[in-house]
Amino acid sequence: MGRIRLQVVIALLAIIVLAVVLGYAAVTATTVTLPEAGGTYIEGIAGNPYLINPVLSQANPVDQDLVALIFTGLTRADVDGSILPDLATRWEITEGGMVYTFFLRDDVYWHDGAPFTSSDVVFTFHVMQDDAFEGMPFLSSMWRSVVVEQLDDYTVRFILREPFSPFLDYTTIGILPAHILGSVDISVLSQSAFSTAPVGTGPYAVQELDLQRIVLAASPDYYGEKPYIDRLEFFFYPDAPSLLEARRRGEILAMSRVLPDQLPAVLEDGSLQLYSAPLSGYNLVFLNLDRAIFQDRNVRQAMMYALNRQQLVNDVLGGQGIVTHSPVLPDSWAYNASTPIYEQDLRKARTLLEESGWFDDDGDGIRQRGDLRLEFTLATNADDPIRVQLIHAISEQLLKVGIHAIPETVGWEELVGQQLRLRRFDAVLSGWQSLPPDPDPYPYWHSSQVSENGVNFAGYISTEADALLAEARRTTDLDTRWSLYQRFQELFAEDVPSLLLYQPVYTYAVDESVYGVQIGPLSHSGERFRSLPAWHLSVQRMLYSEARERGLISPTTR
């Protein structure tokens, strides 16, 4: 009798379990999991904002991060570098690439409720044209050569002096509100209260701002894709190590950037997800080509063959870099994948040096040619520990072939203002950051930029390179530009005007409770928020039929 009761109990339990399983299967088969709106995202940032103004923010990554959320431009750059409409719905290019006419949205409002019009666009570009403009010289020099015309409330025309193929890149800059700043003297724009209470047209509006944090609230009037997250809080910390401590104390959900020396500690936090993407820019050793030892192309090529750049990336950067072979980055449409690659080859380096008459006759480990020693100072900024490690590692690698690079660290202001700008250096390890989507290398390598106001710091002068870069800027035909840039990259690899090292990798740490995070190649750190509309902090389960009726899913979604 007891055995029969036991069998009955077992049978009943089996029926219950089967019912639960079938019930769960039925629910999951007829429902979908969807993001749920609401919540507050909290991130820690190393540094403080100073100028939350799109035309003045380029020097500070914190300002750039916030500008990306608060402001929008006529256009925006997609992940592949292509230019897409934003405040403008479309544009027309006429007169052989010298006239651009933009047609604007008529449903956009500033965060204070005022309507956006073409007056705001004209005002913004006139700010950058003003002689008193305090922002980056490359912005003012470009916009001062452009005529800006307001055709009506929602149409703007730009007239260029000559065709300039990278022009659309410059239209991605955030637009300023003329009704707020129109009466402000441009010479004191950086001192305006606007930088501490900015008003934009972006997805988030400033709610609170003090020395410790900024609070952004989703703008109800935003014209683009509405984000799920209602509120963003960014806490400001003095440096990167402070972010890690804040995370350990449970103060933040995310760390704005994880530096190479922090990776081991961050990986110990099992609830953090790491997202990495190449950052638009590259680090290199600028060679002062006025120096006698660098005027021999064999010497410059030998230096490249002496370097093990992958080892530098692995040992010093913890793998957070991509060895680069061209001043045009690999994710660009103009990249030449056939560009000659310099892998470490010590025998070839020594052969090239000896072909040019460089020998170590006195046995001190350093080569000489006549009265010249193959010796120079390799400087970088003292406040960057990664770069300081790099110049010492590079020095060790070069010494293996008899080249003596003497490491030197100086303050950032001296490095840029005294050494690079005035070309009072032998070699400097530095880099380009936040390069625009258009691959135009003209500002960095054309001979016209060898001046105190230019940034061709190496002093690279090549008749062929000049012709290639100038023509690529003038033509609007993409195939022609591609061909010109292919040859320029081959020429650069042959000439080696400076030593290319690596493209930095941006690593972002976000708590696993934040869903939907994705990042792709970044022009600047603020572009990590490109996918922010899809981020969410919670999910909801809904009947498939209801979700479909409400337009929350496509007919094929399950």
Protein backbone atom coordinates (compact mmCIF):
# COMPACT_ATOMS: atom_id res chain seq x y z
CA MET A 1 0.00 0.00 0.00
CA GLY A 2 2.88 2.36 0.92
CA ARG A 3 4.54 1.65 -2.39
CA ILE A 4 1.34 2.54 -4.27
CA ARG A 5 1.06 5.86 -2.39
CA LEU A 6 4.71 6.65 -3.22
CA GLN A 7 4.09 5.94 -6.90
CA VAL A 8 1.03 8.23 -6.83
CA VAL A 9 3.07 11.01 -5.23
CA ILE A 10 5.85 10.59 -7.80
CA ALA A 11 3.30 10.66 -10.62
CA LEU A 12 1.70 13.81 -9.24
CA LEU A 13 5.09 15.49 -8.92
CA ALA A 14 5.93 14.53 -12.50
CA ILE A 15 2.65 16.03 -13.70
CA ILE A 16 3.34 19.27 -11.79
CA VAL A 17 6.89 19.54 -13.16
CA LEU A 18 5.62 18.83 -16.69
CA ALA A 19 2.93 21.49 -16.29
CA VAL A 20 5.48 24.03 -15.12
CA VAL A 21 7.82 23.21 -18.01
CA LEU A 22 5.02 23.35 -20.55
CA GLY A 23 3.72 26.56 -19.01
CA TYR A 24 7.16 28.16 -19.16
CA ALA A 25 7.61 26.98 -22.73
CA ALA A 26 4.22 28.42 -23.65
CA VAL A 27 5.03 31.75 -22.05
CA THR A 28 8.45 32.01 -23.66
CA ALA A 29 7.03 30.98 -27.00
CA THR A 30 4.36 33.68 -26.91
CA THR A 31 6.28 36.50 -25.24
CA VAL A 32 9.36 38.58 -25.99
CA THR A 33 11.88 40.37 -23.77
CA LEU A 34 12.15 44.08 -24.53
CA PRO A 35 14.09 47.00 -23.12
CA GLU A 36 12.27 48.99 -20.46
CA ALA A 37 12.54 52.77 -20.32
CA GLY A 38 13.73 54.62 -17.24
CA GLY A 39 16.54 54.60 -14.72
CA THR A 40 19.76 56.47 -14.04
CA TYR A 41 23.12 55.64 -15.57
CA ILE A 42 26.13 56.71 -13.47
CA GLU A 43 29.63 57.01 -14.92
CA GLY A 44 32.95 58.19 -13.54
CA ILE A 45 35.14 60.47 -15.67
CA ALA A 46 38.79 61.38 -15.06
CA GLY A 47 39.03 65.16 -15.30
CA ASN A 48 36.66 68.10 -15.23
CA PRO A 49 34.68 70.04 -17.83
CA TYR A 50 35.81 73.55 -18.63
CA LEU A 51 34.13 74.56 -21.87
CA ILE A 52 30.95 72.60 -22.63
CA ASN A 53 30.69 74.37 -25.94
CA PRO A 54 31.03 72.52 -29.26
CA VAL A 55 33.26 75.14 -30.90
CA LEU A 56 35.63 75.31 -27.90
CA SER A 57 35.66 71.73 -26.59
CA GLN A 58 38.34 70.14 -28.78
CA ALA A 59 41.18 70.40 -26.23
CA ASN A 60 39.42 68.56 -23.40
CA PRO A 61 38.03 64.99 -23.70
CA VAL A 62 35.58 65.59 -20.83
CA ASP A 63 34.09 68.55 -22.68
CA GLN A 64 33.89 66.46 -25.85
CA ASP A 65 32.07 63.67 -24.00
CA LEU A 66 29.39 66.05 -22.71
CA VAL A 67 29.08 68.00 -25.97
CA ALA A 68 28.30 64.71 -27.76
CA LEU A 69 25.21 64.29 -25.56
CA ILE A 70 24.00 67.89 -25.35
CA PHE A 71 24.56 69.24 -28.88
CA THR A 72 24.03 68.12 -32.45
CA GLY A 73 25.42 69.31 -35.78
CA LEU A 74 24.14 69.73 -39.30
CA THR A 75 25.57 66.28 -39.95
CA ARG A 76 27.04 63.40 -37.99
CA ALA A 77 29.69 60.81 -38.72
CA ASP A 78 28.65 57.18 -38.93
CA VAL A 79 30.80 54.37 -37.55
CA ASP A 80 32.47 53.88 -40.96
CA GLY A 81 33.28 57.59 -41.29
CA SER A 82 30.53 58.39 -43.78
CA ILE A 83 28.64 61.65 -43.18
CA LEU A 84 24.91 61.40 -42.44
CA PRO A 85 22.14 64.01 -42.01
CA ASP A 86 21.34 65.28 -38.51
CA LEU A 87 19.96 68.82 -38.06
CA ALA A 88 20.00 68.96 -41.85
CA THR A 89 17.71 66.59 -43.71
CA ARG A 90 19.81 66.73 -46.88
CA TRP A 91 22.27 68.85 -48.85
CA GLU A 92 23.15 69.63 -52.45
CA ILE A 93 26.66 70.14 -53.85
CA THR A 94 26.91 72.34 -56.93
CA GLU A 95 29.35 74.55 -58.86
CA GLY A 96 31.98 71.84 -59.11
CA GLY A 97 32.09 71.22 -55.37
CA MET A 98 32.26 74.87 -54.30
CA VAL A 99 28.64 75.43 -53.17
CA TYR A 100 26.89 73.39 -50.46
CA THR A 101 23.21 74.04 -49.76
CA PHE A 102 21.77 72.51 -46.57
CA PHE A 103 18.05 71.99 -45.96
CA LEU A 104 17.25 71.93 -42.24
CA ARG A 105 14.71 70.13 -40.09
CA ASP A 106 11.73 72.26 -39.02
CA ASP A 107 10.84 70.17 -35.95
CA VAL A 108 13.85 70.91 -33.73
CA TYR A 109 13.76 72.82 -30.43
CA TRP A 110 16.49 73.99 -28.10
CA HIS A 111 16.42 72.60 -24.57
CA ASP A 112 14.87 75.88 -23.38
CA GLY A 113 11.98 75.48 -25.83
CA ALA A 114 13.10 78.00 -28.46
CA PRO A 115 12.82 76.81 -32.09
CA PHE A 116 15.97 75.96 -34.01
CA THR A 117 16.42 77.82 -37.31
CA SER A 118 19.07 78.66 -39.87
CA SER A 119 19.93 81.77 -37.82
CA ASP A 120 21.59 79.44 -35.30
CA VAL A 121 23.65 77.80 -38.04
CA VAL A 122 24.83 81.09 -39.50
CA PHE A 123 25.67 82.42 -36.03
CA THR A 124 27.74 79.34 -35.13
CA PHE A 125 29.95 79.53 -38.20
CA HIS A 126 30.31 83.30 -37.89
CA VAL A 127 31.67 82.70 -34.37
CA MET A 128 34.46 80.57 -35.80
CA GLN A 129 35.15 83.15 -38.52
CA ASP A 130 35.54 85.98 -36.02
CA ASP A 131 39.06 87.35 -35.50
CA ALA A 132 38.54 87.06 -31.75
CA PHE A 133 37.60 83.35 -31.88
CA GLU A 134 39.32 81.50 -29.01
CA GLY A 135 39.02 77.97 -30.37
CA MET A 136 41.30 75.74 -32.40
CA PRO A 137 43.14 77.51 -35.27
CA PHE A 138 42.26 74.73 -37.74
CA LEU A 139 38.57 75.58 -37.31
CA SER A 140 38.96 79.32 -37.79
CA SER A 141 41.35 79.01 -40.73
CA MET A 142 38.94 76.72 -42.58
CA TRP A 143 35.73 78.65 -41.88
CA ARG A 144 37.25 82.06 -42.68
CA SER A 145 37.59 80.90 -46.28
CA VAL A 146 33.86 80.09 -46.52
CA VAL A 147 30.94 82.43 -47.19
CA VAL A 148 27.88 81.52 -45.08
CA GLU A 149 24.47 82.65 -46.34
CA GLN A 150 21.01 82.31 -44.78
CA LEU A 151 18.54 81.71 -47.63
CA ASP A 152 15.46 81.30 -45.40
CA ASP A 153 14.59 79.98 -41.94
CA TYR A 154 15.48 76.42 -42.91
CA THR A 155 18.04 76.75 -45.71
CA VAL A 156 21.72 77.66 -45.48
CA ARG A 157 24.31 77.97 -48.24
CA PHE A 158 28.09 77.70 -47.96
CA ILE A 159 30.29 79.04 -50.75
CA LEU A 160 33.91 77.82 -50.87
CA ARG A 161 36.80 79.54 -52.63
CA GLU A 162 37.80 76.25 -54.25
CA PRO A 163 36.70 72.63 -54.04
CA PHE A 164 37.55 71.12 -50.64
CA SER A 165 36.60 67.45 -50.41
CA PRO A 166 36.83 67.13 -46.56
CA PHE A 167 34.31 69.99 -46.14
CA LEU A 168 31.42 67.84 -44.88
CA ASP A 169 33.54 66.73 -41.91
CA TYR A 170 33.50 70.30 -40.64
CA THR A 171 29.69 70.37 -40.65
CA THR A 172 29.50 67.75 -37.89
CA ILE A 173 30.39 70.37 -35.23
CA GLY A 174 27.60 71.16 -32.77
CA ILE A 175 25.41 74.19 -33.44
CA LEU A 176 25.12 77.05 -30.89
CA PRO A 177 21.90 78.90 -29.91
CA ALA A 178 21.95 82.41 -31.38
CA HIS A 179 19.14 83.57 -29.10
CA ILE A 180 21.36 82.94 -26.05
CA LEU A 181 24.85 83.78 -27.29
CA GLY A 182 24.14 86.34 -30.00
CA SER A 183 24.88 89.25 -27.67
CA VAL A 184 28.07 87.75 -26.17
CA ASP A 185 31.41 89.22 -27.21
CA ILE A 186 33.25 86.45 -29.10
CA SER A 187 36.52 87.39 -27.42
CA VAL A 188 35.11 86.34 -24.03
CA LEU A 189 32.94 83.45 -25.17
CA SER A 190 35.02 81.02 -23.11
CA GLN A 191 34.20 83.05 -19.98
CA SER A 192 30.47 83.06 -20.66
CA ALA A 193 28.09 81.42 -18.21
CA PHE A 194 26.96 79.29 -21.15
CA SER A 195 29.83 76.86 -20.55
CA THR A 196 28.37 76.02 -17.13
CA ALA A 197 24.74 76.05 -18.26
CA PRO A 198 24.84 74.90 -21.90
CA VAL A 199 21.67 74.64 -23.98
CA GLY A 200 21.71 72.38 -27.00
CA THR A 201 19.52 70.34 -29.36
CA GLY A 202 20.87 66.92 -28.38
CA PRO A 203 19.20 63.94 -26.70
CA TYR A 204 20.04 65.12 -23.17
CA ALA A 205 19.70 68.49 -21.43
CA VAL A 206 21.70 69.77 -18.47
CA GLN A 207 19.75 69.50 -15.23
CA GLU A 208 22.48 70.10 -12.63
CA LEU A 209 26.18 70.96 -12.78
CA ASP A 210 28.73 71.55 -10.04
CA LEU A 211 32.39 70.75 -9.41
CA GLN A 212 31.66 67.13 -8.53
CA ARG A 213 29.12 66.03 -11.14
CA ILE A 214 26.78 66.83 -13.97
CA VAL A 215 23.24 65.49 -14.30
CA LEU A 216 21.63 65.19 -17.72
CA ALA A 217 17.94 64.46 -18.33
CA ALA A 218 16.46 63.05 -21.52
CA SER A 219 15.07 65.92 -23.59
CA PRO A 220 11.35 65.41 -24.31
CA ASP A 221 11.65 67.50 -27.49
CA TYR A 222 14.59 65.61 -29.01
CA TYR A 223 13.91 64.99 -32.69
CA GLY A 224 16.00 61.82 -33.02
CA GLU A 225 15.69 58.33 -31.64
CA LYS A 226 14.51 58.56 -28.03
CA PRO A 227 16.86 56.94 -25.50
CA TYR A 228 15.56 54.45 -22.95
CA ILE A 229 17.60 55.87 -20.06
CA ASP A 230 15.96 58.90 -18.45
CA ARG A 231 18.91 60.31 -16.58
CA LEU A 232 22.70 60.35 -16.87
CA GLU A 233 25.03 61.28 -14.02
CA PHE A 234 28.73 61.85 -14.58
CA PHE A 235 30.98 62.18 -11.53
CA PHE A 236 34.32 63.92 -11.99
CA TYR A 237 37.46 62.43 -10.43
CA PRO A 238 41.02 63.79 -10.43
CA ASP A 239 42.64 60.92 -12.32
CA ALA A 240 42.19 57.40 -13.72
CA PRO A 241 43.19 55.54 -10.50
CA SER A 242 40.44 57.44 -8.67
CA LEU A 243 37.87 55.92 -11.04
CA LEU A 244 38.91 52.44 -10.00
CA GLU A 245 38.58 53.36 -6.32
CA ALA A 246 35.15 54.89 -6.95
CA ARG A 247 34.06 51.70 -8.66
CA ARG A 248 35.24 49.63 -5.71
CA ARG A 249 33.19 51.86 -3.39
CA GLY A 250 30.12 51.24 -5.54
CA GLU A 251 29.73 54.89 -6.58
CA ILE A 252 29.64 54.38 -10.35
CA LEU A 253 28.37 51.91 -12.94
CA ALA A 254 31.04 52.67 -15.53
CA MET A 255 34.58 53.97 -15.97
CA SER A 256 35.01 56.39 -18.87
CA ARG A 257 38.35 54.94 -19.94
CA VAL A 258 40.50 52.07 -18.73
CA LEU A 259 44.21 52.75 -19.14
CA PRO A 260 46.63 49.87 -19.87
CA ASP A 261 48.06 49.75 -16.35
CA GLN A 262 44.54 49.44 -14.90
CA LEU A 263 43.48 46.43 -16.95
CA PRO A 264 44.54 43.72 -14.47
CA ALA A 265 42.62 45.36 -11.62
CA VAL A 266 39.55 46.01 -13.76
CA LEU A 267 39.49 42.40 -14.96
CA GLU A 268 39.22 41.31 -11.33
CA ASP A 269 35.81 42.98 -11.17
CA GLY A 270 33.65 40.21 -12.57
CA SER A 271 30.61 42.46 -12.93
CA LEU A 272 32.33 44.84 -15.33
CA GLN A 273 32.07 44.34 -19.08
CA LEU A 274 34.91 45.71 -21.22
CA TYR A 275 34.23 47.29 -24.61
CA SER A 276 37.16 48.19 -26.86
CA ALA A 277 37.44 50.09 -30.12
CA PRO A 278 40.24 51.75 -32.11
CA LEU A 279 40.51 55.47 -31.43
CA SER A 280 40.99 57.72 -34.44
CA GLY A 281 44.60 58.82 -34.19
CA TYR A 282 48.10 57.44 -34.04
CA ASN A 283 51.22 57.78 -31.94
CA LEU A 284 54.57 58.29 -33.59
CA VAL A 285 58.10 59.57 -33.17
CA PHE A 286 58.46 62.88 -34.99
CA LEU A 287 61.92 63.14 -36.55
CA ASN A 288 63.27 66.63 -37.13
CA LEU A 289 64.34 66.26 -40.75
CA ASP A 290 66.52 69.36 -40.48
CA ARG A 291 68.92 67.32 -38.33
CA ALA A 292 71.82 65.93 -40.36
CA ILE A 293 71.49 62.35 -39.12
CA PHE A 294 67.84 62.14 -40.20
CA GLN A 295 68.35 63.48 -43.72
CA ASP A 296 69.51 60.05 -44.90
CA ARG A 297 66.50 57.90 -45.82
CA ASN A 298 68.50 54.74 -45.11
CA VAL A 299 68.88 55.83 -41.49
CA ARG A 300 65.14 56.43 -41.14
CA GLN A 301 64.30 53.07 -42.68
CA ALA A 302 66.89 51.36 -40.47
CA MET A 303 65.20 52.82 -37.40
CA MET A 304 61.90 51.31 -38.49
CA TYR A 305 63.52 47.91 -39.03
CA ALA A 306 65.18 48.16 -35.60
CA LEU A 307 61.85 48.60 -33.80
CA ASN A 308 59.64 45.77 -32.59
CA ARG A 309 56.46 47.80 -32.42
CA GLN A 310 54.23 44.87 -31.52
CA GLN A 311 56.43 44.19 -28.52
CA LEU A 312 56.07 47.84 -27.48
CA VAL A 313 52.28 47.52 -27.69
CA ASN A 314 52.25 44.24 -25.78
CA ASP A 315 54.72 45.13 -23.03
CA VAL A 316 54.00 48.82 -22.43
CA LEU A 317 50.36 49.16 -23.48
CA GLY A 318 49.11 45.78 -22.35
CA GLY A 319 47.95 45.10 -25.90
CA GLN A 320 45.82 48.28 -26.01
CA GLY A 321 47.07 49.45 -29.37
CA ILE A 322 47.21 48.46 -33.04
CA VAL A 323 50.55 48.69 -34.85
CA THR A 324 50.06 51.18 -37.67
CA HIS A 325 51.76 51.18 -41.05
CA SER A 326 50.26 54.31 -42.60
CA PRO A 327 49.14 57.81 -41.63
CA VAL A 328 45.77 56.78 -43.08
CA LEU A 329 44.07 54.53 -40.53
CA PRO A 330 42.98 50.95 -41.37
CA ASP A 331 39.24 51.59 -40.97
CA SER A 332 39.29 54.37 -43.57
CA TRP A 333 38.02 53.86 -47.12
CA ALA A 334 41.33 55.38 -48.30
CA TYR A 335 43.59 52.90 -46.49
CA ASN A 336 46.18 51.14 -48.65
CA ALA A 337 46.34 47.56 -47.44
CA SER A 338 49.33 46.97 -49.73
CA THR A 339 51.51 49.59 -48.05
CA PRO A 340 54.98 48.16 -47.29
CA ILE A 341 55.21 46.90 -43.71
CA TYR A 342 58.26 47.28 -41.48
CA GLU A 343 58.73 44.23 -39.28
CA GLN A 344 61.72 44.08 -36.96
CA ASP A 345 64.77 42.96 -38.94
CA LEU A 346 68.01 43.84 -37.14
CA ARG A 347 70.22 42.47 -39.90
CA LYS A 348 68.50 44.63 -42.51
CA ALA A 349 68.74 47.67 -40.22
CA ARG A 350 72.50 47.18 -39.80
CA THR A 351 72.97 46.65 -43.54
CA LEU A 352 71.17 49.90 -44.38
CA LEU A 353 73.29 51.83 -41.89
CA GLU A 354 76.52 50.40 -43.21
CA GLU A 355 75.49 51.15 -46.80
CA SER A 356 75.30 54.80 -45.72
CA GLY A 357 78.68 54.70 -44.03
CA TRP A 358 77.64 54.39 -40.40
CA PHE A 359 80.04 52.15 -38.40
CA ASP A 360 80.99 51.64 -34.77
CA ASP A 361 84.76 51.99 -35.21
CA ASP A 362 85.59 52.73 -31.56
CA GLY A 363 83.48 49.88 -30.17
CA ASP A 364 81.36 52.02 -27.82
CA GLY A 365 78.12 50.64 -29.26
CA ILE A 366 77.19 53.84 -31.10
CA ARG A 367 77.75 54.28 -34.84
CA GLN A 368 79.59 57.26 -36.33
CA ARG A 369 80.12 58.71 -39.78
CA GLY A 370 82.99 61.15 -39.78
CA ASP A 371 82.35 63.64 -36.99
CA LEU A 372 78.69 62.70 -36.68
CA ARG A 373 77.49 60.27 -34.02
CA LEU A 374 74.23 58.43 -34.58
CA GLU A 375 72.87 59.92 -31.38
CA PHE A 376 69.91 62.17 -30.61
CA THR A 377 67.49 63.20 -27.86
CA LEU A 378 64.11 61.44 -27.79
CA ALA A 379 61.67 63.58 -25.79
CA THR A 380 58.09 63.18 -24.59
CA ASN A 381 55.77 64.72 -22.00
CA ALA A 382 56.60 63.80 -18.41
CA ASP A 383 52.96 63.61 -17.26
CA ASP A 384 52.20 60.56 -19.43
CA PRO A 385 53.69 57.42 -17.81
CA ILE A 386 52.95 55.27 -20.86
CA ARG A 387 54.90 57.57 -23.17
CA VAL A 388 57.75 57.77 -20.68
CA GLN A 389 57.98 53.97 -20.67
CA LEU A 390 57.83 53.94 -24.46
CA ILE A 391 60.78 56.26 -25.04
CA HIS A 392 62.94 54.11 -22.76
CA ALA A 393 61.84 50.90 -24.52
CA ILE A 394 62.43 52.47 -27.96
CA SER A 395 65.88 53.61 -26.85
CA GLU A 396 66.76 50.05 -25.85
CA GLN A 397 65.59 48.63 -29.18
CA LEU A 398 67.47 51.19 -31.28
CA LEU A 399 70.68 50.67 -29.34
CA LYS A 400 70.80 47.08 -30.62
CA VAL A 401 71.77 48.43 -34.05
CA GLY A 402 74.06 51.19 -32.80
CA ILE A 403 71.57 54.09 -32.68
CA HIS A 404 71.63 56.01 -29.41
CA ALA A 405 68.32 57.70 -28.50
CA ILE A 406 68.67 59.61 -25.22
CA PRO A 407 65.30 59.67 -23.34
CA GLU A 408 64.16 63.09 -22.13
CA THR A 409 60.95 64.13 -20.37
CA VAL A 410 59.62 67.68 -20.28
CA GLY A 411 56.37 69.41 -19.43
CA TRP A 412 53.57 69.32 -21.99
CA GLU A 413 53.64 73.07 -22.59
CA GLU A 414 57.38 73.01 -23.26
CA LEU A 415 57.10 69.96 -25.50
CA VAL A 416 54.45 71.53 -27.73
CA GLY A 417 55.16 75.25 -27.41
CA GLN A 418 58.95 75.23 -27.43
CA GLN A 419 60.02 72.00 -29.09
CA LEU A 420 57.38 70.98 -31.63
CA ARG A 421 56.00 74.39 -32.62
CA LEU A 422 59.44 75.99 -32.93
CA ARG A 423 61.06 72.76 -34.20
CA ARG A 424 63.73 72.85 -31.52
CA PHE A 425 63.99 69.10 -31.07
CA ASP A 426 65.73 66.02 -32.39
CA ALA A 427 62.91 63.52 -31.99
CA VAL A 428 59.64 63.66 -30.04
CA LEU A 429 57.24 60.89 -29.16
CA SER A 430 53.73 62.29 -29.39
CA GLY A 431 50.62 61.65 -31.45
CA TRP A 432 47.48 62.81 -33.18
CA GLN A 433 44.15 62.33 -31.44
CA SER A 434 40.53 62.78 -32.50
CA LEU A 435 41.33 62.72 -36.21
CA PRO A 436 38.22 63.51 -38.29
CA PRO A 437 36.48 60.84 -40.37
CA ASP A 438 37.88 62.20 -43.63
CA PRO A 439 41.41 60.75 -44.07
CA ASP A 440 42.94 64.03 -45.38
CA PRO A 441 46.67 63.92 -44.37
CA TYR A 442 47.34 67.40 -45.81
CA PRO A 443 47.53 69.33 -42.49
CA TYR A 444 50.14 66.95 -41.08
CA TRP A 445 52.42 66.16 -44.05
CA HIS A 446 52.11 68.88 -46.73
CA SER A 447 55.15 71.17 -46.96
CA SER A 448 52.98 74.30 -46.65
CA GLN A 449 52.37 73.25 -43.05
CA VAL A 450 56.06 73.53 -42.12
CA SER A 451 55.62 76.73 -40.14
CA GLU A 452 55.11 77.86 -36.57
CA ASN A 453 51.34 77.72 -37.08
CA GLY A 454 51.43 74.45 -39.03
CA VAL A 455 51.65 70.93 -37.66
CA ASN A 456 54.03 69.29 -40.14
CA PHE A 457 56.42 69.05 -37.20
CA ALA A 458 58.83 66.70 -38.96
CA GLY A 459 59.44 69.23 -41.72
CA TYR A 460 58.57 66.69 -44.42
CA ILE A 461 59.04 68.23 -47.86
CA SER A 462 58.28 66.18 -50.95
CA THR A 463 57.22 67.58 -54.30
CA GLU A 464 55.35 64.40 -55.17
CA ALA A 465 53.62 64.13 -51.79
CA ASP A 466 52.57 67.79 -52.00
CA ALA A 467 51.02 67.28 -55.43
CA LEU A 468 49.15 64.15 -54.31
CA LEU A 469 47.73 65.74 -51.16
CA ALA A 470 46.74 68.99 -52.83
CA GLU A 471 44.96 67.24 -55.70
CA ALA A 472 43.14 64.88 -53.30
CA ARG A 473 41.69 67.91 -51.52
CA ARG A 474 40.49 69.52 -54.75
CA THR A 475 38.71 66.58 -56.35
CA THR A 476 35.25 65.46 -55.32
CA ASP A 477 35.58 62.16 -57.19
CA LEU A 478 36.04 59.45 -54.57
CA ASP A 479 37.81 57.04 -56.90
CA THR A 480 40.35 59.69 -57.84
CA ARG A 481 40.96 60.58 -54.20
CA TRP A 482 41.42 56.88 -53.40
CA SER A 483 44.09 56.51 -56.09
CA LEU A 484 45.94 59.61 -54.93
CA TYR A 485 45.96 58.46 -51.31
CA GLN A 486 47.15 54.99 -52.32
CA ARG A 487 50.27 56.47 -53.87
CA PHE A 488 50.83 58.90 -50.98
CA GLN A 489 50.87 56.02 -48.49
CA GLU A 490 53.40 54.11 -50.59
CA LEU A 491 55.58 57.22 -50.78
CA PHE A 492 55.31 57.80 -47.03
CA ALA A 493 56.44 54.22 -46.36
CA GLU A 494 59.44 54.74 -48.64
CA ASP A 495 60.46 58.11 -47.20
CA VAL A 496 59.73 57.39 -43.51
CA PRO A 497 59.51 61.07 -42.49
CA SER A 498 58.68 59.92 -38.96
CA LEU A 499 58.37 56.60 -37.11
CA LEU A 500 54.78 55.39 -36.98
CA LEU A 501 54.06 53.35 -33.85
CA TYR A 502 50.45 52.45 -33.08
CA GLN A 503 46.81 53.44 -33.14
CA PRO A 504 45.45 53.64 -29.58
CA VAL A 505 42.59 51.42 -28.44
CA TYR A 506 39.86 52.92 -26.29
CA THR A 507 38.64 50.56 -23.58
CA TYR A 508 35.41 51.31 -21.75
CA ALA A 509 34.26 49.48 -18.60
CA VAL A 510 30.51 49.22 -17.95
CA ASP A 511 28.58 47.28 -15.31
CA GLU A 512 26.83 44.17 -16.57
CA SER A 513 23.50 45.65 -15.44
CA VAL A 514 23.67 48.08 -18.39
CA TYR A 515 22.32 46.40 -21.52
CA GLY A 516 22.69 47.24 -25.20
CA VAL A 517 26.14 48.84 -25.05
CA GLN A 518 28.11 48.71 -28.30
CA ILE A 519 31.03 50.78 -29.53
CA GLY A 520 32.81 50.91 -32.87
CA PRO A 521 35.75 52.90 -34.21
CA LEU A 522 35.83 56.30 -32.48
CA SER A 523 36.96 59.71 -33.72
CA HIS A 524 36.87 60.89 -30.10
CA SER A 525 35.76 59.42 -26.79
CA GLY A 526 32.33 61.09 -26.93
CA GLU A 527 31.40 58.82 -29.84
CA ARG A 528 31.15 55.91 -27.40
CA PHE A 529 27.62 57.25 -26.85
CA ARG A 530 26.71 56.72 -30.50
CA SER A 531 24.63 53.65 -29.52
CA LEU A 532 23.23 55.23 -26.32
CA PRO A 533 19.58 55.23 -27.52
CA ALA A 534 19.70 51.41 -27.30
CA TRP A 535 21.20 51.29 -23.79
CA HIS A 536 18.79 50.25 -21.03
CA LEU A 537 18.92 49.31 -17.36
CA SER A 538 15.98 46.88 -17.16
CA VAL A 539 13.85 44.64 -19.36
CA GLN A 540 10.21 43.69 -19.55
CA ARG A 541 8.45 40.61 -20.88
CA MET A 542 5.47 41.27 -23.14
CA LEU A 543 3.13 39.18 -25.20
CA TYR A 544 4.47 38.86 -28.70
CA SER A 545 1.14 39.91 -30.20
CA GLU A 546 0.94 43.03 -28.00
CA ALA A 547 4.53 44.05 -28.75
CA ARG A 548 3.89 43.65 -32.46
CA GLU A 549 0.67 45.69 -32.30
CA ARG A 550 2.50 48.50 -30.49
CA GLY A 551 5.23 48.50 -33.13
CA LEU A 552 7.94 47.55 -30.63
CA ILE A 553 9.17 44.62 -32.71
CA SER A 554 9.27 43.63 -36.34
CA PRO A 555 7.04 40.78 -37.56
CA THR A 556 10.05 38.42 -37.65
CA THR A 557 11.32 39.16 -34.12
CA ARG A 558 11.15 36.36 -31.55
